[in-house]
N, C-alpha and C. Protein backbone atom coordinates (compact mmCIF):
# COMPACT_ATOMS: atom_id res chain seq x y z
N MET A 1 0.78 -1.27 -0.12
CA MET A 1 0.08 -0.11 -0.04
C MET A 1 0.79 1.37 0.14
N LYS A 2 1.87 1.00 0.88
CA LYS A 2 2.74 2.64 0.84
C LYS A 2 3.60 2.81 -0.56
N VAL A 3 4.02 1.59 -1.13
CA VAL A 3 4.74 1.67 -2.10
C VAL A 3 3.99 2.15 -3.56
N SER A 4 2.52 1.47 -3.37
CA SER A 4 1.47 2.12 -4.33
C SER A 4 1.37 3.35 -4.19
N PHE A 5 1.54 4.04 -3.04
CA PHE A 5 1.03 5.61 -2.81
C PHE A 5 2.39 6.36 -3.24
N ILE A 6 3.59 5.94 -2.90
CA ILE A 6 5.09 6.65 -3.24
C ILE A 6 4.98 6.52 -4.67
N VAL A 7 4.74 5.63 -5.57
CA VAL A 7 4.74 5.67 -6.78
C VAL A 7 3.67 6.65 -7.48
N ARG A 8 2.47 6.22 -7.09
CA ARG A 8 1.82 7.52 -7.80
C ARG A 8 1.86 9.04 -7.22
N PHE A 9 2.19 9.07 -6.25
CA PHE A 9 2.75 10.83 -5.79
C PHE A 9 4.03 10.83 -6.40
N PHE A 10 5.39 10.10 -6.99
CA PHE A 10 6.13 10.31 -7.81
C PHE A 10 5.53 10.86 -9.31
N MET A 11 4.84 10.05 -9.68
CA MET A 11 4.23 9.81 -11.11
C MET A 11 3.42 11.21 -11.21
N ARG A 12 2.72 11.96 -10.30
CA ARG A 12 2.04 12.92 -10.06
C ARG A 12 2.95 14.29 -9.97
N THR A 13 4.18 14.06 -9.36
CA THR A 13 5.11 14.90 -9.50
C THR A 13 5.62 15.30 -10.96
N LEU A 14 5.94 14.41 -11.56
CA LEU A 14 6.45 14.60 -12.86
C LEU A 14 5.77 15.52 -13.89
N SER A 15 5.89 16.12 -14.96
CA SER A 15 5.50 16.68 -15.63
C SER A 15 6.40 16.47 -17.65
N LEU A 16 5.44 16.07 -18.23
CA LEU A 16 5.79 16.28 -19.48
C LEU A 16 5.73 17.74 -20.26
N GLN A 17 6.68 17.90 -20.75
CA GLN A 17 6.81 19.44 -21.24
C GLN A 17 6.86 19.49 -22.98
N TYR A 18 5.75 19.83 -23.53
CA TYR A 18 5.98 20.02 -24.87
C TYR A 18 5.83 21.57 -25.17
N GLN A 19 6.43 21.63 -26.52
CA GLN A 19 6.90 22.97 -27.04
C GLN A 19 6.43 23.03 -28.42
N LEU A 20 5.42 23.64 -29.06
CA LEU A 20 4.99 23.85 -30.22
C LEU A 20 5.45 24.76 -30.98
N SER A 21 6.02 25.00 -31.93
CA SER A 21 6.51 26.34 -32.76
C SER A 21 6.25 25.86 -34.50
N VAL A 22 5.59 27.32 -34.94
CA VAL A 22 5.69 27.08 -36.46
C VAL A 22 7.02 26.95 -36.92
N LYS A 23 7.50 25.66 -37.67
CA LYS A 23 8.76 25.74 -37.86
C LYS A 23 8.61 26.96 -39.96
N SER A 24 7.73 26.50 -40.47
CA SER A 24 7.66 26.98 -41.77
C SER A 24 6.40 26.97 -42.27
N TRP A 25 5.41 27.97 -42.22
CA TRP A 25 4.15 28.20 -42.39
C TRP A 25 4.27 27.88 -44.35
N GLN A 26 5.28 28.17 -44.95
CA GLN A 26 5.40 28.17 -46.48
C GLN A 26 5.07 26.67 -46.53
N GLN A 27 5.94 25.61 -45.88
CA GLN A 27 6.27 24.46 -46.38
C GLN A 27 5.29 23.43 -45.17
N HIS A 28 4.06 24.33 -44.50
CA HIS A 28 3.40 23.60 -43.79
C HIS A 28 3.90 22.51 -42.50
N LEU A 29 4.86 23.05 -42.03
CA LEU A 29 5.90 22.42 -41.00
C LEU A 29 5.82 23.38 -39.77
N PHE A 30 5.45 22.31 -38.49
CA PHE A 30 5.61 22.83 -37.25
C PHE A 30 6.45 21.84 -36.60
N ALA A 31 7.38 22.50 -35.43
CA ALA A 31 8.28 21.79 -34.43
C ALA A 31 7.82 21.46 -33.08
N VAL A 32 8.17 20.33 -32.69
CA VAL A 32 7.78 20.07 -31.29
C VAL A 32 8.82 19.61 -30.53
N GLU A 33 9.13 19.82 -29.39
CA GLU A 33 10.11 19.66 -28.52
C GLU A 33 9.32 18.97 -27.14
N LEU A 34 9.47 18.13 -26.64
CA LEU A 34 8.94 17.17 -25.76
C LEU A 34 10.28 16.90 -24.86
N LYS A 35 10.09 17.41 -23.96
CA LYS A 35 10.96 17.12 -22.50
C LYS A 35 10.43 16.26 -21.43
N VAL A 36 11.03 14.99 -21.54
CA VAL A 36 10.55 13.81 -20.61
C VAL A 36 11.83 14.05 -19.30
N PRO A 37 11.04 14.51 -18.02
CA PRO A 37 12.29 14.77 -16.57
C PRO A 37 12.42 12.96 -16.30
N GLU A 38 13.93 12.99 -15.87
CA GLU A 38 14.60 11.74 -14.89
C GLU A 38 12.95 11.10 -14.47
N HIS A 39 13.02 9.50 -14.50
CA HIS A 39 12.02 8.60 -14.27
C HIS A 39 12.42 7.67 -13.83
N ASN A 40 11.54 6.53 -13.45
CA ASN A 40 11.82 5.20 -13.21
C ASN A 40 12.32 4.36 -13.90
N GLU A 41 11.74 4.17 -15.45
CA GLU A 41 11.95 3.23 -16.38
C GLU A 41 13.08 3.11 -17.02
N ALA A 42 13.57 1.76 -17.35
CA ALA A 42 14.78 1.64 -17.96
C ALA A 42 14.82 2.15 -19.67
N THR A 43 13.34 1.94 -20.10
CA THR A 43 13.24 2.30 -21.66
C THR A 43 11.82 3.09 -21.26
N LEU A 44 11.84 4.02 -22.46
CA LEU A 44 10.40 4.67 -22.76
C LEU A 44 9.93 4.18 -23.94
N THR A 45 8.38 4.32 -24.17
CA THR A 45 8.17 4.10 -25.69
C THR A 45 7.26 4.95 -25.90
N PHE A 46 7.50 5.80 -27.11
CA PHE A 46 6.96 7.11 -27.36
C PHE A 46 6.27 6.59 -28.63
N ALA A 47 4.85 7.21 -28.77
CA ALA A 47 3.93 6.64 -29.91
C ALA A 47 2.87 7.82 -30.16
N LEU A 48 2.42 7.96 -31.54
CA LEU A 48 1.08 8.45 -31.81
C LEU A 48 0.32 7.56 -31.85
N PRO A 49 -1.43 8.18 -31.59
CA PRO A 49 -2.41 7.04 -31.83
C PRO A 49 -2.64 6.80 -33.06
N SER A 50 -3.38 5.80 -33.27
CA SER A 50 -3.66 5.19 -34.56
C SER A 50 -4.98 5.54 -34.85
N TRP A 51 -5.89 6.27 -34.08
CA TRP A 51 -6.96 6.46 -34.32
C TRP A 51 -7.52 7.77 -33.22
N ILE A 52 -8.33 8.27 -34.30
CA ILE A 52 -8.98 9.42 -33.07
C ILE A 52 -11.01 9.20 -32.97
N PRO A 53 -11.09 9.35 -31.85
CA PRO A 53 -12.66 9.43 -31.61
C PRO A 53 -13.48 10.18 -32.81
N GLY A 54 -14.44 9.71 -33.21
CA GLY A 54 -15.18 10.01 -34.19
C GLY A 54 -15.00 9.71 -35.31
N SER A 55 -13.86 9.18 -35.75
CA SER A 55 -13.22 8.74 -37.03
C SER A 55 -12.69 7.35 -36.60
N TYR A 56 -13.73 6.57 -37.60
CA TYR A 56 -13.49 5.26 -37.24
C TYR A 56 -12.91 4.29 -38.07
N MET A 57 -11.67 4.69 -38.42
CA MET A 57 -10.64 4.43 -39.02
C MET A 57 -9.31 4.25 -38.50
N ILE A 58 -8.47 3.44 -38.75
CA ILE A 58 -6.97 3.32 -38.31
C ILE A 58 -6.33 4.44 -39.11
N ARG A 59 -5.68 5.54 -38.25
CA ARG A 59 -4.71 6.59 -39.10
C ARG A 59 -3.37 6.25 -39.03
N ASP A 60 -2.64 7.32 -39.59
CA ASP A 60 -1.12 6.77 -39.85
C ASP A 60 -0.64 8.42 -39.25
N PHE A 61 -0.88 8.98 -38.45
CA PHE A 61 -0.60 10.53 -38.14
C PHE A 61 0.75 10.40 -38.21
N ALA A 62 1.55 9.15 -37.81
CA ALA A 62 3.24 9.25 -37.80
C ALA A 62 3.78 9.81 -39.12
N LYS A 63 2.75 9.18 -40.14
CA LYS A 63 3.63 9.35 -41.36
C LYS A 63 4.00 10.94 -41.75
N SER A 64 3.14 11.85 -41.28
CA SER A 64 3.79 13.17 -41.12
C SER A 64 4.92 13.94 -40.21
N ILE A 65 5.38 12.79 -39.53
CA ILE A 65 6.65 13.18 -38.77
C ILE A 65 7.99 13.01 -39.92
N THR A 66 8.36 14.33 -40.21
CA THR A 66 9.48 14.07 -40.96
C THR A 66 10.72 14.15 -40.68
N GLU A 67 10.77 14.36 -39.41
CA GLU A 67 12.17 14.84 -38.53
C GLU A 67 11.93 13.95 -37.52
N ILE A 68 12.84 12.95 -36.55
CA ILE A 68 12.69 13.02 -35.07
C ILE A 68 14.07 12.60 -34.64
N THR A 69 14.69 13.38 -33.63
CA THR A 69 15.98 12.92 -32.59
C THR A 69 15.73 13.05 -31.64
N PHE A 70 16.25 12.34 -30.68
CA PHE A 70 15.96 11.80 -29.29
C PHE A 70 17.61 12.45 -28.68
N THR A 71 17.54 12.74 -27.74
CA THR A 71 18.79 13.01 -27.04
C THR A 71 18.60 13.15 -25.51
N HIS A 72 19.86 12.98 -24.65
CA HIS A 72 19.35 12.63 -23.54
C HIS A 72 19.66 14.18 -22.80
N ALA A 73 19.09 14.37 -21.70
CA ALA A 73 18.69 15.85 -21.33
C ALA A 73 19.52 16.52 -20.88
N ASP A 74 20.65 15.70 -20.27
CA ASP A 74 21.81 16.59 -19.31
C ASP A 74 22.83 16.85 -20.17
N THR A 75 23.39 15.42 -21.29
CA THR A 75 24.48 15.37 -21.87
C THR A 75 24.41 16.07 -23.41
N GLY A 76 23.28 16.08 -24.27
CA GLY A 76 23.02 16.64 -25.50
C GLY A 76 23.47 15.44 -26.36
N ALA A 77 23.49 14.26 -25.86
CA ALA A 77 23.87 13.34 -26.60
C ALA A 77 22.88 12.69 -27.62
N GLU A 78 22.90 12.22 -28.66
CA GLU A 78 21.99 11.57 -29.25
C GLU A 78 21.63 10.13 -29.04
N ILE A 79 20.52 9.90 -28.41
CA ILE A 79 20.03 8.46 -28.23
C ILE A 79 19.37 7.81 -29.28
N THR A 80 20.11 6.52 -29.50
CA THR A 80 19.53 5.59 -30.91
C THR A 80 17.88 5.07 -30.03
N ALA A 81 17.25 5.16 -31.21
CA ALA A 81 15.65 5.04 -30.97
C ALA A 81 15.29 3.85 -31.93
N GLN A 82 14.80 2.88 -31.08
CA GLN A 82 14.05 1.58 -32.32
C GLN A 82 12.72 1.53 -32.81
N LYS A 83 12.39 1.72 -33.95
CA LYS A 83 11.53 2.17 -34.18
C LYS A 83 10.65 0.69 -34.24
N ILE A 84 9.29 0.35 -33.46
CA ILE A 84 8.77 -0.63 -33.43
C ILE A 84 7.83 -1.00 -34.68
N ASP A 85 7.06 -0.02 -34.79
CA ASP A 85 6.24 -0.01 -35.72
C ASP A 85 5.77 1.36 -36.54
N LYS A 86 4.59 1.33 -37.35
CA LYS A 86 4.78 2.64 -37.99
C LYS A 86 4.84 4.09 -37.04
N GLN A 87 4.33 3.66 -35.85
CA GLN A 87 4.02 5.05 -35.18
C GLN A 87 4.76 5.41 -33.67
N THR A 88 5.35 4.04 -33.54
CA THR A 88 6.25 3.75 -32.17
C THR A 88 7.58 3.50 -32.04
N TRP A 89 8.27 4.35 -31.19
CA TRP A 89 9.83 4.14 -31.18
C TRP A 89 9.66 3.83 -29.33
N GLU A 90 10.97 3.04 -29.34
CA GLU A 90 11.47 2.95 -28.03
C GLU A 90 12.80 3.17 -27.89
N VAL A 91 12.92 3.84 -26.53
CA VAL A 91 14.24 4.47 -26.56
C VAL A 91 14.82 3.94 -25.03
N ALA A 92 16.22 3.30 -25.11
CA ALA A 92 16.63 2.87 -23.63
C ALA A 92 17.08 4.01 -22.91
N THR A 93 16.54 4.53 -21.97
CA THR A 93 16.84 5.80 -21.06
C THR A 93 17.60 5.38 -19.80
N ASN A 94 17.45 4.18 -19.23
CA ASN A 94 18.25 3.99 -17.87
C ASN A 94 17.57 4.95 -16.76
N GLY A 95 16.58 5.49 -16.82
CA GLY A 95 15.85 6.47 -16.32
C GLY A 95 16.22 7.90 -16.07
N ASP A 96 17.09 7.95 -17.43
CA ASP A 96 17.41 9.48 -17.59
C ASP A 96 16.27 10.24 -18.24
N GLY A 97 16.53 11.86 -18.08
CA GLY A 97 15.70 12.58 -18.96
C GLY A 97 15.90 12.64 -20.46
N VAL A 98 15.22 12.58 -21.43
CA VAL A 98 15.17 12.97 -22.57
C VAL A 98 14.53 14.10 -23.22
N ILE A 99 15.34 14.53 -24.43
CA ILE A 99 14.16 15.69 -25.19
C ILE A 99 14.40 14.72 -26.36
N VAL A 100 12.73 15.31 -27.00
CA VAL A 100 12.65 14.51 -28.30
C VAL A 100 12.06 15.75 -29.32
N ASP A 101 13.18 16.01 -29.92
CA ASP A 101 12.59 16.86 -31.28
C ASP A 101 12.15 16.41 -32.39
N TYR A 102 11.31 16.85 -33.22
CA TYR A 102 10.09 16.43 -34.17
C TYR A 102 9.53 17.60 -35.04
N VAL A 103 9.66 17.26 -36.14
CA VAL A 103 8.89 18.28 -37.32
C VAL A 103 7.95 17.38 -37.92
N VAL A 104 6.68 18.15 -37.86
CA VAL A 104 5.37 17.66 -38.62
C VAL A 104 5.06 18.09 -39.76
N TYR A 105 4.97 17.74 -40.67
CA TYR A 105 4.20 18.33 -41.83
C TYR A 105 2.77 18.21 -41.49
N ALA A 106 2.30 19.68 -41.67
CA ALA A 106 0.74 19.84 -41.80
C ALA A 106 0.06 20.27 -42.77
N ASN A 107 -0.45 19.78 -43.91
CA ASN A 107 -0.88 20.32 -45.01
C ASN A 107 -2.45 19.31 -45.46
N ASP A 108 -2.80 18.82 -43.88
CA ASP A 108 -4.42 18.23 -44.13
C ASP A 108 -5.14 19.12 -43.44
N LEU A 109 -6.25 19.32 -43.96
CA LEU A 109 -7.43 20.18 -44.08
C LEU A 109 -8.66 19.67 -43.11
N SER A 110 -8.34 18.56 -42.79
CA SER A 110 -9.30 17.62 -42.06
C SER A 110 -9.29 18.22 -40.69
N VAL A 111 -10.26 17.70 -40.09
CA VAL A 111 -10.54 17.65 -38.44
C VAL A 111 -9.70 16.74 -37.47
N ARG A 112 -8.95 15.78 -38.48
CA ARG A 112 -8.55 14.54 -37.66
C ARG A 112 -6.72 14.85 -37.88
N SER A 113 -6.35 15.67 -37.94
CA SER A 113 -4.93 16.11 -38.33
C SER A 113 -4.28 17.41 -38.36
N ALA A 114 -3.50 18.10 -38.81
CA ALA A 114 -2.96 19.44 -38.51
C ALA A 114 -2.79 20.05 -40.07
N PHE A 115 -2.73 21.46 -39.83
CA PHE A 115 -2.64 22.08 -41.39
C PHE A 115 -2.29 23.88 -40.83
N ILE A 116 -1.26 24.40 -41.31
CA ILE A 116 -0.49 25.35 -41.36
C ILE A 116 -0.67 26.27 -42.41
N ASN A 117 -1.27 27.57 -42.71
CA ASN A 117 -0.45 28.19 -43.67
C ASN A 117 -0.23 29.68 -43.24
N HIS A 118 -0.32 30.53 -44.46
CA HIS A 118 -0.30 32.16 -43.20
C HIS A 118 -1.22 33.13 -42.81
N GLU A 119 -2.45 32.28 -42.40
CA GLU A 119 -3.44 32.68 -42.08
C GLU A 119 -3.85 32.10 -40.76
N TYR A 120 -3.86 31.12 -40.89
CA TYR A 120 -3.83 30.12 -39.41
C TYR A 120 -3.03 28.61 -39.24
N ALA A 121 -3.65 28.03 -38.24
CA ALA A 121 -2.77 26.74 -37.90
C ALA A 121 -4.18 26.25 -37.08
N PHE A 122 -4.55 24.69 -37.67
CA PHE A 122 -5.25 23.90 -36.86
C PHE A 122 -4.66 22.65 -36.57
N ILE A 123 -4.42 22.41 -35.52
CA ILE A 123 -3.51 21.21 -34.67
C ILE A 123 -4.10 20.17 -33.88
N ASN A 124 -4.54 18.94 -34.24
CA ASN A 124 -5.14 18.11 -33.38
C ASN A 124 -4.09 17.52 -33.05
N GLY A 125 -4.19 17.03 -31.43
CA GLY A 125 -3.37 16.76 -31.06
C GLY A 125 -2.56 15.02 -31.10
N THR A 126 -3.62 14.45 -31.65
CA THR A 126 -3.34 13.19 -32.21
C THR A 126 -2.67 13.35 -33.09
N SER A 127 -1.98 14.29 -34.00
CA SER A 127 -1.30 14.33 -34.87
C SER A 127 -0.06 15.16 -34.59
N ALA A 128 0.14 15.64 -33.52
CA ALA A 128 0.98 16.56 -33.21
C ALA A 128 2.01 16.10 -31.61
N PHE A 129 1.08 15.01 -30.95
CA PHE A 129 2.20 15.45 -29.26
C PHE A 129 2.06 13.48 -29.43
N LEU A 130 3.35 13.24 -29.26
CA LEU A 130 3.52 12.17 -28.98
C LEU A 130 3.48 11.88 -27.43
N ASN A 131 2.86 10.03 -27.12
CA ASN A 131 2.43 9.91 -26.08
C ASN A 131 3.57 8.87 -25.44
N VAL A 132 4.09 9.50 -24.23
CA VAL A 132 4.99 8.35 -23.49
C VAL A 132 4.30 7.33 -22.64
N VAL A 133 4.19 6.38 -23.18
CA VAL A 133 3.13 5.23 -22.59
C VAL A 133 3.18 4.74 -21.60
N GLU A 134 4.69 4.92 -20.91
CA GLU A 134 4.99 4.68 -19.40
C GLU A 134 4.67 5.94 -18.81
N MET A 135 3.76 7.05 -19.25
CA MET A 135 3.70 7.99 -18.56
C MET A 135 2.44 8.78 -18.84
N SER A 136 1.20 7.87 -19.39
CA SER A 136 0.30 8.38 -19.67
C SER A 136 -0.80 9.26 -18.75
N GLU A 137 -0.41 8.85 -17.48
CA GLU A 137 -1.11 9.53 -16.61
C GLU A 137 -0.56 10.73 -16.05
N VAL A 138 0.83 11.33 -16.43
CA VAL A 138 1.32 12.00 -15.94
C VAL A 138 0.99 13.60 -16.04
N ARG A 139 1.03 14.64 -15.38
CA ARG A 139 0.82 15.91 -16.11
C ARG A 139 1.76 16.49 -17.45
N CYS A 140 0.99 17.11 -18.17
CA CYS A 140 1.42 17.82 -19.36
C CYS A 140 1.36 18.94 -19.45
N THR A 141 2.39 19.69 -19.71
CA THR A 141 2.39 21.14 -19.96
C THR A 141 2.68 21.48 -21.59
N LEU A 142 1.87 22.29 -21.97
CA LEU A 142 2.28 22.74 -23.46
C LEU A 142 2.33 24.06 -23.78
N GLN A 143 3.66 24.71 -24.39
CA GLN A 143 3.68 26.30 -24.59
C GLN A 143 3.75 26.35 -26.11
N ILE A 144 2.61 26.92 -26.60
CA ILE A 144 2.77 27.52 -27.91
C ILE A 144 3.47 28.72 -28.35
N GLU A 145 4.64 28.89 -29.06
CA GLU A 145 5.10 29.94 -29.23
C GLU A 145 4.16 31.04 -30.32
N LYS A 146 4.26 32.12 -29.78
CA LYS A 146 3.05 33.14 -30.72
C LYS A 146 3.73 33.34 -32.04
N PRO A 147 3.81 33.26 -32.93
CA PRO A 147 4.03 33.50 -34.12
C PRO A 147 4.26 35.11 -34.33
N ALA A 148 5.36 35.57 -34.95
CA ALA A 148 5.79 36.87 -35.03
C ALA A 148 4.68 37.96 -35.63
N GLN A 149 4.40 38.89 -35.54
CA GLN A 149 4.05 39.91 -36.31
C GLN A 149 2.72 38.93 -36.76
N SER A 150 1.88 38.55 -35.80
CA SER A 150 0.75 37.63 -36.30
C SER A 150 -0.39 38.13 -35.26
N HIS A 151 -1.68 37.99 -35.75
CA HIS A 151 -2.82 38.10 -35.00
C HIS A 151 -3.62 37.09 -34.56
N TRP A 152 -2.85 36.12 -34.82
CA TRP A 152 -3.27 34.52 -34.19
C TRP A 152 -3.70 34.49 -32.79
N GLN A 153 -4.49 33.76 -32.45
CA GLN A 153 -4.99 33.36 -31.35
C GLN A 153 -4.98 31.95 -31.08
N ALA A 154 -4.63 31.33 -29.65
CA ALA A 154 -4.84 29.92 -29.67
C ALA A 154 -6.13 29.43 -28.63
N HIS A 155 -6.90 28.37 -29.23
CA HIS A 155 -7.92 27.95 -28.61
C HIS A 155 -7.83 26.67 -28.58
N THR A 156 -7.87 26.14 -27.28
CA THR A 156 -7.70 24.74 -27.00
C THR A 156 -8.55 24.30 -25.54
N GLY A 157 -8.82 23.28 -25.73
CA GLY A 157 -9.38 22.29 -24.50
C GLY A 157 -8.72 22.49 -23.07
N MET A 158 -7.64 22.54 -23.31
CA MET A 158 -6.90 22.60 -22.15
C MET A 158 -6.83 23.72 -20.98
N THR A 159 -6.26 23.72 -20.14
CA THR A 159 -6.68 24.81 -18.96
C THR A 159 -5.38 25.40 -19.49
N PRO A 160 -5.65 26.90 -19.37
CA PRO A 160 -4.51 27.88 -19.62
C PRO A 160 -3.90 28.13 -18.09
N ILE A 161 -2.42 28.28 -18.28
CA ILE A 161 -1.70 28.59 -17.06
C ILE A 161 -0.91 29.70 -17.39
N ALA A 162 -0.26 30.30 -16.25
CA ALA A 162 0.54 31.61 -16.54
C ALA A 162 2.09 31.27 -16.57
N LEU A 163 2.54 32.24 -17.55
CA LEU A 163 4.05 31.84 -17.79
C LEU A 163 4.63 32.69 -17.31
N ASP A 164 5.61 33.27 -16.24
CA ASP A 164 6.11 34.21 -15.97
C ASP A 164 7.29 34.74 -16.65
N SER A 165 7.59 33.70 -16.89
CA SER A 165 9.08 33.80 -17.86
C SER A 165 9.07 34.37 -19.54
N ASN A 166 8.15 33.84 -20.16
CA ASN A 166 8.26 34.25 -21.66
C ASN A 166 6.78 34.54 -21.88
N PRO A 167 6.59 35.96 -22.05
CA PRO A 167 5.25 36.35 -22.96
C PRO A 167 5.10 35.82 -24.12
N GLN A 168 6.10 35.27 -24.81
CA GLN A 168 5.76 34.74 -26.17
C GLN A 168 5.35 33.78 -26.52
N TYR A 169 4.93 33.07 -25.33
CA TYR A 169 4.15 31.60 -25.74
C TYR A 169 2.89 31.81 -25.25
N TRP A 170 1.89 31.00 -25.33
CA TRP A 170 0.85 30.50 -24.80
C TRP A 170 0.97 29.44 -24.01
N ALA A 171 0.46 28.92 -22.99
CA ALA A 171 0.60 28.09 -22.11
C ALA A 171 -0.66 27.48 -21.30
N TYR A 172 -0.38 25.87 -21.27
CA TYR A 172 -1.66 25.12 -21.21
C TYR A 172 -1.01 24.16 -20.33
N GLU A 173 -1.99 23.37 -19.99
CA GLU A 173 -1.90 21.95 -18.76
C GLU A 173 -2.63 21.15 -19.05
N SER A 174 -2.84 19.91 -18.89
CA SER A 174 -3.69 18.78 -19.00
C SER A 174 -3.31 17.68 -17.69
N HIS A 175 -4.05 17.01 -17.21
CA HIS A 175 -3.65 16.12 -16.02
C HIS A 175 -2.98 14.79 -16.67
N ASN A 176 -3.08 14.64 -17.79
CA ASN A 176 -2.45 13.60 -18.38
C ASN A 176 -2.69 13.69 -19.78
N TYR A 177 -1.74 12.72 -20.41
CA TYR A 177 -2.17 12.31 -22.11
C TYR A 177 -3.43 12.57 -22.70
C-alpha cells in the first residue's frame, strides 16, 4: 500500500513538457520539443495514436513526422531509438531525462490532423503530440510559441496556465495525456 502511494505521488510530481512552434508555414511544418524528466523506467515508448474519436478508421498520423531525434537531457548526446511499428519508437533511457525534437508536416485540412498556412494553423493533438506510454497519466504542459507579427490566437480544451518567464508563448496544462 505504501509503495503504491509513493509511486502514484512520484508520477503526479513529474511533468511532460511539450513546446510547439511554427517552423515554416510556407512548407506547412511545425516543430515540437518534448522534454521528459528523470524517471524510473529503463526504456520509454513514444507513440502517436492510430485513431481519433469520431473517426472510425485506423490512421497513420506518424507518416507526417518528417524528422525526429532523441537526445539525453543532461549531456545532449543523441540516443538511438528503435522504431517498433509505423507510429512507435522505443528508447533505452536508464531513467535519465530525454528530449525529443520532431518536425510534423501539416497540410491536411481535415479535422483529424493538422494544417498550417500564413493565415492560421489547426492542430489536432493526435497528429502532433507523442505519448510517452509509460507516463500516460503524468501531467502535461504545452507551450505554443506565438508567431511573430501575427494576429493569431490559441484555442484549446486544455487549462491555461500563467508563464512568468516568457510572454511570447501561450501555455496550457492537462492532467494526463
